[in-house]
PDB file of N, CA and C in Angstrom:
ATOM      1  N   MET A   1       3.670  28.527  -8.538  1.00  0.00           N
ATOM      2  CA  MET A   1       3.337  26.852  -8.506  1.00  0.00           C
ATOM      3  C   MET A   1       1.479  27.241  -8.851  1.00  0.00           C
ATOM      4  N   LEU A   2       0.776  26.258  -9.632  1.00  0.00           N
ATOM      5  CA  LEU A   2      -0.031  26.281 -10.626  1.00  0.00           C
ATOM      6  C   LEU A   2      -1.164  26.067  -9.014  1.00  0.00           C
ATOM      7  N   ARG A   3      -2.102  26.172  -9.057  1.00  0.00           N
ATOM      8  CA  ARG A   3      -3.332  25.846  -8.024  1.00  0.00           C
ATOM      9  C   ARG A   3      -4.286  24.811  -8.330  1.00  0.00           C
ATOM     10  N   HIS A   4      -4.481  24.011  -7.720  1.00  0.00           N
ATOM     11  CA  HIS A   4      -5.224  23.065  -8.405  1.00  0.00           C
ATOM     12  C   HIS A   4      -6.766  22.748  -7.364  1.00  0.00           C
ATOM     13  N   GLU A   5      -7.676  22.625  -7.634  1.00  0.00           N
ATOM     14  CA  GLU A   5      -9.049  22.360  -7.011  1.00  0.00           C
ATOM     15  C   GLU A   5      -8.806  21.072  -5.914  1.00  0.00           C
ATOM     16  N   PHE A   6      -9.819  21.145  -4.345  1.00  0.00           N
ATOM     17  CA  PHE A   6      -9.187  20.640  -3.496  1.00  0.00           C
ATOM     18  C   PHE A   6     -10.284  19.418  -4.044  1.00  0.00           C
ATOM     19  N   ARG A   7      -9.567  18.235  -3.443  1.00  0.00           N
ATOM     20  CA  ARG A   7     -10.864  17.268  -3.492  1.00  0.00           C
ATOM     21  C   ARG A   7     -10.865  16.796  -2.128  1.00  0.00           C
ATOM     22  N   PRO A   8     -11.382  16.438  -1.223  1.00  0.00           N
ATOM     23  CA  PRO A   8     -11.463  16.189  -0.527  1.00  0.00           C
ATOM     24  C   PRO A   8     -11.711  14.437  -0.359  1.00  0.00           C
ATOM     25  N   GLY A   9     -12.151  13.553  -1.188  1.00  0.00           N
ATOM     26  CA  GLY A   9     -12.481  12.702  -1.150  1.00  0.00           C
ATOM     27  C   GLY A   9     -11.268  11.657  -1.659  1.00  0.00           C
ATOM     28  N   ARG A  10     -10.132  12.220  -1.773  1.00  0.00           N
ATOM     29  CA  ARG A  10      -8.762  11.341  -1.898  1.00  0.00           C
ATOM     30  C   ARG A  10      -7.933  12.267  -0.454  1.00  0.00           C
ATOM     31  N   LEU A  11      -8.188  13.080  -0.128  1.00  0.00           N
ATOM     32  CA  LEU A  11      -7.542  13.926   1.337  1.00  0.00           C
ATOM     33  C   LEU A  11      -8.366  12.262   2.705  1.00  0.00           C
ATOM     34  N   VAL A  12      -9.294  12.031   2.695  1.00  0.00           N
ATOM     35  CA  VAL A  12      -9.978  10.990   3.073  1.00  0.00           C
ATOM     36  C   VAL A  12      -9.070   9.774   2.284  1.00  0.00           C
ATOM     37  N   ALA A  13      -9.219   9.505   1.432  1.00  0.00           N
ATOM     38  CA  ALA A  13      -8.944   7.910   1.526  1.00  0.00           C
ATOM     39  C   ALA A  13      -7.467   7.852   1.151  1.00  0.00           C
ATOM     40  N   GLY A  14      -6.434   9.367   1.632  1.00  0.00           N
ATOM     41  CA  GLY A  14      -4.863   9.345   1.319  1.00  0.00           C
ATOM     42  C   GLY A  14      -4.694   8.793   2.994  1.00  0.00           C
ATOM     43  N   ALA A  15      -5.808   9.270   4.062  1.00  0.00           N
ATOM     44  CA  ALA A  15      -5.701   9.296   5.515  1.00  0.00           C
ATOM     45  C   ALA A  15      -6.279   8.194   5.770  1.00  0.00           C
ATOM     46  N   ALA A  16      -6.991   7.427   4.976  1.00  0.00           N
ATOM     47  CA  ALA A  16      -7.536   6.514   5.686  1.00  0.00           C
ATOM     48  C   ALA A  16      -6.357   4.753   5.645  1.00  0.00           C
ATOM     49  N   PHE A  17      -5.881   5.007   4.140  1.00  0.00           N
ATOM     50  CA  PHE A  17      -4.266   4.254   3.787  1.00  0.00           C
ATOM     51  C   PHE A  17      -2.939   4.590   4.978  1.00  0.00           C
ATOM     52  N   THR A  18      -2.986   6.044   4.896  1.00  0.00           N
ATOM     53  CA  THR A  18      -2.116   6.510   6.066  1.00  0.00           C
ATOM     54  C   THR A  18      -2.352   5.329   7.294  1.00  0.00           C
ATOM     55  N   LEU A  19      -3.827   5.940   8.193  1.00  0.00           N
ATOM     56  CA  LEU A  19      -3.628   4.732   8.814  1.00  0.00           C
ATOM     57  C   LEU A  19      -2.913   3.211   9.337  1.00  0.00           C
ATOM     58  N   ALA A  20      -3.438   2.840   7.900  1.00  0.00           N
ATOM     59  CA  ALA A  20      -3.832   1.180   7.840  1.00  0.00           C
ATOM     60  C   ALA A  20      -1.977   1.014   7.922  1.00  0.00           C
ATOM     61  N   GLY A  21      -0.957   2.198   7.249  1.00  0.00           N
ATOM     62  CA  GLY A  21       0.373   1.922   6.867  1.00  0.00           C
ATOM     63  C   GLY A  21       1.001   1.741   8.891  1.00  0.00           C
ATOM     64  N   ILE A  22       0.405   3.123   9.619  1.00  0.00           N
ATOM     65  CA  ILE A  22       0.800   3.266  10.341  1.00  0.00           C
ATOM     66  C   ILE A  22       0.211   2.271  12.088  1.00  0.00           C
ATOM     67  N   VAL A  23      -0.762   1.656  11.826  1.00  0.00           N
ATOM     68  CA  VAL A  23      -1.019   0.309  12.229  1.00  0.00           C
ATOM     69  C   VAL A  23      -0.298  -0.806  12.058  1.00  0.00           C
ATOM     70  N   TYR A  24       0.038  -1.451  11.088  1.00  0.00           N
ATOM     71  CA  TYR A  24       1.195  -2.362  10.060  1.00  0.00           C
ATOM     72  C   TYR A  24       2.248  -1.960  10.595  1.00  0.00           C
ATOM     73  N   ALA A  25       3.035  -0.469  10.903  1.00  0.00           N
ATOM     74  CA  ALA A  25       4.389  -0.562  11.144  1.00  0.00           C
ATOM     75  C   ALA A  25       4.227  -0.455  12.761  1.00  0.00           C
ATOM     76  N   GLY A  26       3.786  -0.249  13.041  1.00  0.00           N
ATOM     77  CA  GLY A  26       3.347  -0.711  14.960  1.00  0.00           C
ATOM     78  C   GLY A  26       3.623  -2.156  15.170  1.00  0.00           C
ATOM     79  N   ASP A  27       2.980  -2.701  13.953  1.00  0.00           N
ATOM     80  CA  ASP A  27       2.964  -3.928  14.729  1.00  0.00           C
ATOM     81  C   ASP A  27       4.165  -4.211  14.061  1.00  0.00           C
ATOM     82  N   ALA A  28       4.964  -3.942  12.956  1.00  0.00           N
ATOM     83  CA  ALA A  28       6.551  -4.998  12.579  1.00  0.00           C
ATOM     84  C   ALA A  28       7.270  -4.169  13.610  1.00  0.00           C
ATOM     85  N   GLY A  29       7.347  -2.759  14.496  1.00  0.00           N
ATOM     86  CA  GLY A  29       8.145  -2.377  15.402  1.00  0.00           C
ATOM     87  C   GLY A  29       7.594  -3.116  16.249  1.00  0.00           C
ATOM     88  N   GLY A  30       6.669  -3.743  16.799  1.00  0.00           N
ATOM     89  CA  GLY A  30       6.513  -4.583  18.228  1.00  0.00           C
ATOM     90  C   GLY A  30       6.292  -3.935  18.570  1.00  0.00           C
ATOM     91  N   LEU A  31       5.223  -2.712  18.492  1.00  0.00           N
ATOM     92  CA  LEU A  31       4.807  -1.356  19.172  1.00  0.00           C
ATOM     93  C   LEU A  31       3.509  -2.449  20.215  1.00  0.00           C
ATOM     94  N   TRP A  32       2.458  -3.094  19.022  1.00  0.00           N
ATOM     95  CA  TRP A  32       1.340  -4.219  19.440  1.00  0.00           C
ATOM     96  C   TRP A  32       1.246  -4.652  18.206  1.00  0.00           C
ATOM     97  N   GLU A  33       0.244  -5.784  18.581  1.00  0.00           N
ATOM     98  CA  GLU A  33       0.005  -7.333  18.156  1.00  0.00           C
ATOM     99  C   GLU A  33      -1.187  -6.764  16.912  1.00  0.00           C
ATOM    100  N   THR A  34      -1.289  -6.632  15.836  1.00  0.00           N
ATOM    101  CA  THR A  34      -2.318  -6.721  14.924  1.00  0.00           C
ATOM    102  C   THR A  34      -3.000  -7.486  14.038  1.00  0.00           C
ATOM    103  N   PRO A  35      -3.790  -8.826  14.611  1.00  0.00           N
ATOM    104  CA  PRO A  35      -4.262  -9.698  13.466  1.00  0.00           C
ATOM    105  C   PRO A  35      -4.644  -9.250  11.575  1.00  0.00           C
ATOM    106  N   TRP A  36      -3.964 -10.257  11.011  1.00  0.00           N
ATOM    107  CA  TRP A  36      -4.132  -9.766   9.844  1.00  0.00           C
ATOM    108  C   TRP A  36      -5.175  -8.546   9.000  1.00  0.00           C
ATOM    109  N   PHE A  37      -6.548  -9.739   9.593  1.00  0.00           N
ATOM    110  CA  PHE A  37      -7.406  -9.719   9.312  1.00  0.00           C
ATOM    111  C   PHE A  37      -8.085  -7.690   9.590  1.00  0.00           C
ATOM    112  N   ALA A  38      -7.593  -7.479  10.599  1.00  0.00           N
ATOM    113  CA  ALA A  38      -7.693  -5.665  10.887  1.00  0.00           C
ATOM    114  C   ALA A  38      -7.676  -4.541  10.465  1.00  0.00           C
ATOM    115  N   VAL A  39      -6.726  -4.589   9.117  1.00  0.00           N
ATOM    116  CA  VAL A  39      -6.910  -3.304   8.403  1.00  0.00           C
ATOM    117  C   VAL A  39      -7.393  -3.495   7.220  1.00  0.00           C
ATOM    118  N   ILE A  40      -8.235  -4.887   6.688  1.00  0.00           N
ATOM    119  CA  ILE A  40      -9.422  -4.809   5.877  1.00  0.00           C
ATOM    120  C   ILE A  40     -10.755  -3.873   5.927  1.00  0.00           C
ATOM    121  N   PRO A  41     -11.230  -4.050   7.258  1.00  0.00           N
ATOM    122  CA  PRO A  41     -12.411  -3.111   7.598  1.00  0.00           C
ATOM    123  C   PRO A  41     -11.555  -1.654   7.881  1.00  0.00           C
ATOM    124  N   MET A  42     -10.708  -1.072   8.137  1.00  0.00           N
ATOM    125  CA  MET A  42      -9.935   0.516   8.133  1.00  0.00           C
ATOM    126  C   MET A  42      -9.980   0.401   6.702  1.00  0.00           C
ATOM    127  N   VAL A  43      -9.534  -0.420   5.298  1.00  0.00           N
ATOM    128  CA  VAL A  43      -8.985   0.326   4.376  1.00  0.00           C
ATOM    129  C   VAL A  43     -11.014   0.696   4.048  1.00  0.00           C
ATOM    130  N   MET A  44     -11.422  -0.280   3.479  1.00  0.00           N
ATOM    131  CA  MET A  44     -12.425  -0.519   2.998  1.00  0.00           C
ATOM    132  C   MET A  44     -13.802   0.715   3.755  1.00  0.00           C
ATOM    133  N   GLY A  45     -13.832   0.945   5.056  1.00  0.00           N
ATOM    134  CA  GLY A  45     -14.720   1.685   5.531  1.00  0.00           C
ATOM    135  C   GLY A  45     -14.074   2.808   5.030  1.00  0.00           C
ATOM    136  N   GLY A  46     -12.125   3.500   5.134  1.00  0.00           N
ATOM    137  CA  GLY A  46     -12.175   4.669   4.530  1.00  0.00           C
ATOM    138  C   GLY A  46     -12.754   4.928   2.675  1.00  0.00           C
ATOM    139  N   LEU A  47     -12.300   3.829   1.877  1.00  0.00           N
ATOM    140  CA  LEU A  47     -12.652   4.095   0.360  1.00  0.00           C
ATOM    141  C   LEU A  47     -14.354   4.650   0.683  1.00  0.00           C
ATOM    142  N   CYS A  48     -15.018   3.686   1.491  1.00  0.00           N
ATOM    143  CA  CYS A  48     -16.344   3.918   1.403  1.00  0.00           C
ATOM    144  C   CYS A  48     -16.984   5.657   1.608  1.00  0.00           C
ATOM    145  N   LEU A  49     -15.744   6.316   2.711  1.00  0.00           N
ATOM    146  CA  LEU A  49     -16.156   7.323   3.307  1.00  0.00           C
ATOM    147  C   LEU A  49     -16.112   8.253   2.017  1.00  0.00           C
ATOM    148  N   ALA A  50     -14.389   7.612   1.530  1.00  0.00           N
ATOM    149  CA  ALA A  50     -14.136   8.877   0.528  1.00  0.00           C
ATOM    150  C   ALA A  50     -15.025   9.361  -0.695  1.00  0.00           C
ATOM    151  N   GLY A  51     -15.606   7.857  -1.056  1.00  0.00           N
ATOM    152  CA  GLY A  51     -16.648   7.756  -2.018  1.00  0.00           C
ATOM    153  C   GLY A  51     -17.666   8.839  -2.068  1.00  0.00           C
ATOM    154  N   ALA A  52     -18.054   8.847   0.050  1.00  0.00           N
ATOM    155  CA  ALA A  52     -19.543   9.082  -0.063  1.00  0.00           C
ATOM    156  C   ALA A  52     -18.560  11.063   0.011  1.00  0.00           C
ATOM    157  N   THR A  53     -17.787  11.184   0.605  1.00  0.00           N
ATOM    158  CA  THR A  53     -17.100  12.438   0.332  1.00  0.00           C
ATOM    159  C   THR A  53     -17.315  13.211  -0.821  1.00  0.00           C
ATOM    160  N   GLY A  54     -16.389  12.328  -2.462  1.00  0.00           N
ATOM    161  CA  GLY A  54     -16.424  12.705  -3.263  1.00  0.00           C
ATOM    162  C   GLY A  54     -17.286  12.632  -3.585  1.00  0.00           C
ATOM    163  N   VAL A  55     -18.869  12.550  -3.292  1.00  0.00           N
ATOM    164  CA  VAL A  55     -20.102  12.058  -4.186  1.00  0.00           C
ATOM    165  C   VAL A  55     -20.218  13.308  -3.868  1.00  0.00           C
ATOM    166  N   LEU A  56     -20.779  13.752  -2.680  1.00  0.00           N
ATOM    167  CA  LEU A  56     -21.396  14.897  -1.532  1.00  0.00           C
ATOM    168  C   LEU A  56     -20.336  16.155  -2.706  1.00  0.00           C
ATOM    169  N   THR A  57     -19.254  16.298  -2.551  1.00  0.00           N
ATOM    170  CA  THR A  57     -18.542  17.348  -2.851  1.00  0.00           C
ATOM    171  C   THR A  57     -18.867  17.390  -4.178  1.00  0.00           C
ATOM    172  N   GLN A  58     -19.308  17.036  -5.082  1.00  0.00           N
ATOM    173  CA  GLN A  58     -19.611  16.976  -6.533  1.00  0.00           C
ATOM    174  C   GLN A  58     -20.698  17.396  -6.401  1.00  0.00           C
ATOM    175  N   SER A  59     -21.490  17.359  -5.394  1.00  0.00           N
ATOM    176  CA  SER A  59     -23.068  17.530  -6.303  1.00  0.00           C
ATOM    177  C   SER A  59     -23.302  18.835  -4.963  1.00  0.00           C
ATOM    178  N   ILE A  60     -22.650  19.438  -4.435  1.00  0.00           N
ATOM    179  CA  ILE A  60     -22.208  20.605  -3.986  1.00  0.00           C
ATOM    180  C   ILE A  60     -21.551  21.459  -5.024  1.00  0.00           C
ATOM    181  N   ARG A  61     -21.022  21.253  -5.541  1.00  0.00           N
ATOM    182  CA  ARG A  61     -19.980  22.013  -7.069  1.00  0.00           C
ATOM    183  C   ARG A  61     -20.919  22.047  -7.984  1.00  0.00           C
ATOM    184  N   ARG A  62     -21.775  20.948  -8.549  1.00  0.00           N
ATOM    185  CA  ARG A  62     -22.538  21.381  -9.848  1.00  0.00           C
ATOM    186  C   ARG A  62     -23.653  21.868  -8.728  1.00  0.00           C
ATOM    187  N   ARG A  63     -24.293  22.254  -8.024  1.00  0.00           N
ATOM    188  CA  ARG A  63     -25.214  23.538  -7.304  1.00  0.00           C
ATOM    189  C   ARG A  63     -25.031  24.003  -7.372  1.00  0.00           C
ATOM    190  N   ARG A  64     -23.731  24.622  -7.220  1.00  0.00           N
ATOM    191  CA  ARG A  64     -23.274  26.338  -7.041  1.00  0.00           C
ATOM    192  C   ARG A  64     -23.123  26.699  -8.464  1.00  0.00           C
ATOM    193  N   GLY A  65     -23.032  26.098  -9.233  1.00  0.00           N
ATOM    194  CA  GLY A  65     -22.841  26.471 -10.623  1.00  0.00           C
ATOM    195  C   GLY A  65     -20.973  26.488 -10.719  1.00  0.00           C
ATOM    196  N   PRO A  66     -21.025  27.103 -12.029  1.00  0.00           N
ATOM    197  CA  PRO A  66     -19.204  27.364 -12.529  1.00  0.00           C
ATOM    198  C   PRO A  66     -19.260  28.421 -11.258  1.00  0.00           C
ATOM    199  N   ARG A  67     -17.269  28.327 -11.026  1.00  0.00           N
ATOM    200  CA  ARG A  67     -16.835  29.312 -10.756  1.00  0.00           C
ATOM    201  C   ARG A  67     -16.665  30.755 -11.150  1.00  0.00           C
ATOM    202  N   ARG A  68     -16.738  31.681 -10.807  1.00  0.00           N
ATOM    203  CA  ARG A  68     -16.376  33.330 -11.513  1.00  0.00           C
ATOM    204  C   ARG A  68     -14.534  33.600 -11.688  1.00  0.00           C
ATOM    205  N   GLY A  69     -14.781  33.679 -13.204  1.00  0.00           N
ATOM    206  CA  GLY A  69     -13.077  33.564 -13.609  1.00  0.00           C
ATOM    207  C   GLY A  69     -12.398  32.472 -14.315  1.00  0.00           C
ATOM    208  N   ALA A  70     -13.613  31.358 -14.430  1.00  0.00           N
ATOM    209  CA  ALA A  70     -13.242  29.745 -14.623  1.00  0.00           C
ATOM    210  C   ALA A  70     -13.324  29.634 -16.130  1.00  0.00           C
ATOM    211  N   PRO A  71     -12.185  29.052 -16.740  1.00  0.00           N
ATOM    212  CA  PRO A  71     -12.274  28.898 -18.562  1.00  0.00           C
ATOM    213  C   PRO A  71     -13.636  28.365 -18.506  1.00  0.00           C
ATOM    214  N   VAL A  72     -14.135  28.508 -19.678  1.00  0.00           N
ATOM    215  CA  VAL A  72     -15.331  27.920 -19.939  1.00  0.00           C
ATOM    216  C   VAL A  72     -15.142  27.011 -21.475  1.00  0.00           C
ATOM    217  N   GLU A  73     -15.340  25.677 -21.561  1.00  0.00           N
ATOM    218  CA  GLU A  73     -15.401  24.655 -22.660  1.00  0.00           C
ATOM    219  C   GLU A  73     -16.090  25.352 -23.441  1.00  0.00           C
ATOM    220  N   ALA A  74     -16.143  24.574 -24.730  1.00  0.00           N
ATOM    221  CA  ALA A  74     -17.271  25.032 -26.085  1.00  0.00           C
ATOM    222  C   ALA A  74     -18.658  24.335 -25.219  1.00  0.00           C
ATOM    223  N   GLY A  75     -18.991  23.538 -25.174  1.00  0.00           N
ATOM    224  CA  GLY A  75     -19.751  22.938 -24.035  1.00  0.00           C
ATOM    225  C   GLY A  75     -20.522  23.742 -23.227  1.00  0.00           C
ATOM    226  N   GLY A  76     -20.326  24.563 -22.945  1.00  0.00           N
ATOM    227  CA  GLY A  76     -20.671  25.653 -21.867  1.00  0.00           C
ATOM    228  C   GLY A  76     -20.163  24.996 -20.216  1.00  0.00           C
ATOM    229  N   GLU A  77     -19.396  23.866 -20.283  1.00  0.00           N
ATOM    230  CA  GLU A  77     -18.740  23.354 -18.777  1.00  0.00           C
ATOM    231  C   GLU A  77     -17.880  24.076 -18.641  1.00  0.00           C
ATOM    232  N   THR A  78     -17.485  24.023 -17.340  1.00  0.00           N
ATOM    233  CA  THR A  78     -15.896  24.257 -16.988  1.00  0.00           C
ATOM    234  C   THR A  78     -15.382  22.853 -17.260  1.00  0.00           C
ATOM    235  N   ALA A  79     -13.868  23.894 -17.608  1.00  0.00           N
ATOM    236  CA  ALA A  79     -12.342  23.066 -17.716  1.00  0.00           C
ATOM    237  C   ALA A  79     -12.095  22.343 -16.036  1.00  0.00           C
ATOM    238  N   SER A  80     -11.972  20.983 -16.161  1.00  0.00           N
ATOM    239  CA  SER A  80     -11.700  20.314 -15.277  1.00  0.00           C
ATOM    240  C   SER A  80     -10.345  19.665 -15.290  1.00  0.00           C
TER     241      SER A  80
END
């Protein structure tokens, strides 16, 4: 199995959309009543948090430099 780099921003975005799906599924199942506008701030907040997480992750990775054993391209940057 090929290894891939961990992207925490995508994890946060996926968690926000999963939470929105659970909220709507609970409403559809009759467990609770959800107003139609309740999911919009939930998803937008999750996307903003995912973006901030992605920016923070990228800045940390740039500051650390290339990993040992990572393939180097002709431009001197690591392959993504």
